[in-house]
């Protein structure tokens, strides 16, 4: 699941999630929009905070390949 979708479904603000991750709102906003990728440690923190709903693979645009493999 994309991070933006997770935040919308769970009704979590970008600013609030950024605080929980220990990064700035602007940084998290850029990650949510896909402008930049989070570093490995932050990816793992996002994975933990979302209880596995957002995985590191979700930050890469590979939906067609994932569907074909299934």
Protein backbone atom coordinates (compact mmCIF):
# COMPACT_ATOMS: atom_id res chain seq x y z
CA UNK A 1 0.00 0.00 0.00
CA UNK A 2 1.28 3.44 -0.80
CA UNK A 3 2.08 5.64 2.18
CA UNK A 4 -0.31 8.36 1.01
CA UNK A 5 -3.16 5.84 0.86
CA UNK A 6 -2.32 4.51 4.32
CA UNK A 7 -2.34 8.00 5.83
CA UNK A 8 -5.67 8.81 4.17
CA UNK A 9 -7.32 5.55 5.30
CA UNK A 10 -6.04 5.89 8.86
CA UNK A 11 -6.78 9.64 8.90
CA UNK A 12 -3.23 10.50 9.95
CA UNK A 13 -1.76 13.86 9.01
CA UNK A 14 1.57 14.06 7.26
CA UNK A 15 2.83 16.31 10.06
CA UNK A 16 1.77 13.85 12.74
CA UNK A 17 3.32 10.91 10.93
CA UNK A 18 6.51 12.89 10.36
CA UNK A 19 6.75 13.54 14.11
CA UNK A 20 6.26 9.83 14.84
CA UNK A 21 9.05 9.00 12.36
CA UNK A 22 11.37 11.66 13.73
CA UNK A 23 11.63 13.69 10.52
CA UNK A 24 10.37 17.07 9.38
CA UNK A 25 6.96 17.65 7.83
CA UNK A 26 8.51 18.85 4.58
CA UNK A 27 10.65 15.72 4.29
CA UNK A 28 7.67 13.46 4.91
CA UNK A 29 5.56 15.43 2.45
CA UNK A 30 8.18 14.86 -0.26
CA UNK A 31 8.26 11.14 0.55
CA UNK A 32 4.47 10.84 0.47
CA UNK A 33 4.34 12.57 -2.92
CA UNK A 34 7.09 10.33 -4.27
CA UNK A 35 9.50 13.20 -4.89
CA UNK A 36 12.20 11.37 -2.94
CA UNK A 37 12.76 7.98 -1.37
CA UNK A 38 13.31 7.55 2.35
CA UNK A 39 16.62 6.15 3.53
CA UNK A 40 16.68 2.54 4.65
CA UNK A 41 16.30 3.30 8.37
CA UNK A 42 13.31 5.55 7.72
CA UNK A 43 11.75 2.95 5.41
CA UNK A 44 11.96 0.44 8.23
CA UNK A 45 10.47 2.95 10.70
CA UNK A 46 7.56 3.56 8.31
CA UNK A 47 7.10 -0.21 7.98
CA UNK A 48 7.00 -0.56 11.77
CA UNK A 49 4.65 2.37 12.35
CA UNK A 50 2.22 1.14 9.68
CA UNK A 51 2.32 -2.39 11.11
CA UNK A 52 3.59 -3.73 7.80
CA UNK A 53 0.91 -2.10 5.65
CA UNK A 54 3.54 0.01 3.85
CA UNK A 55 6.58 -2.00 2.82
CA UNK A 56 9.89 -0.81 1.35
CA UNK A 57 8.77 -2.23 -2.01
CA UNK A 58 5.77 0.12 -1.97
CA UNK A 59 8.12 3.07 -2.54
CA UNK A 60 9.10 1.73 -5.96
CA UNK A 61 6.78 1.96 -8.96
CA UNK A 62 6.45 -1.75 -9.82
CA UNK A 63 2.70 -2.48 -9.64
CA UNK A 64 2.55 -4.05 -13.12
CA UNK A 65 5.33 -6.50 -12.32
CA UNK A 66 3.76 -7.48 -9.00
CA UNK A 67 0.41 -8.20 -10.66
CA UNK A 68 2.00 -10.24 -13.47
CA UNK A 69 3.89 -12.42 -10.99
CA UNK A 70 0.71 -13.29 -9.07
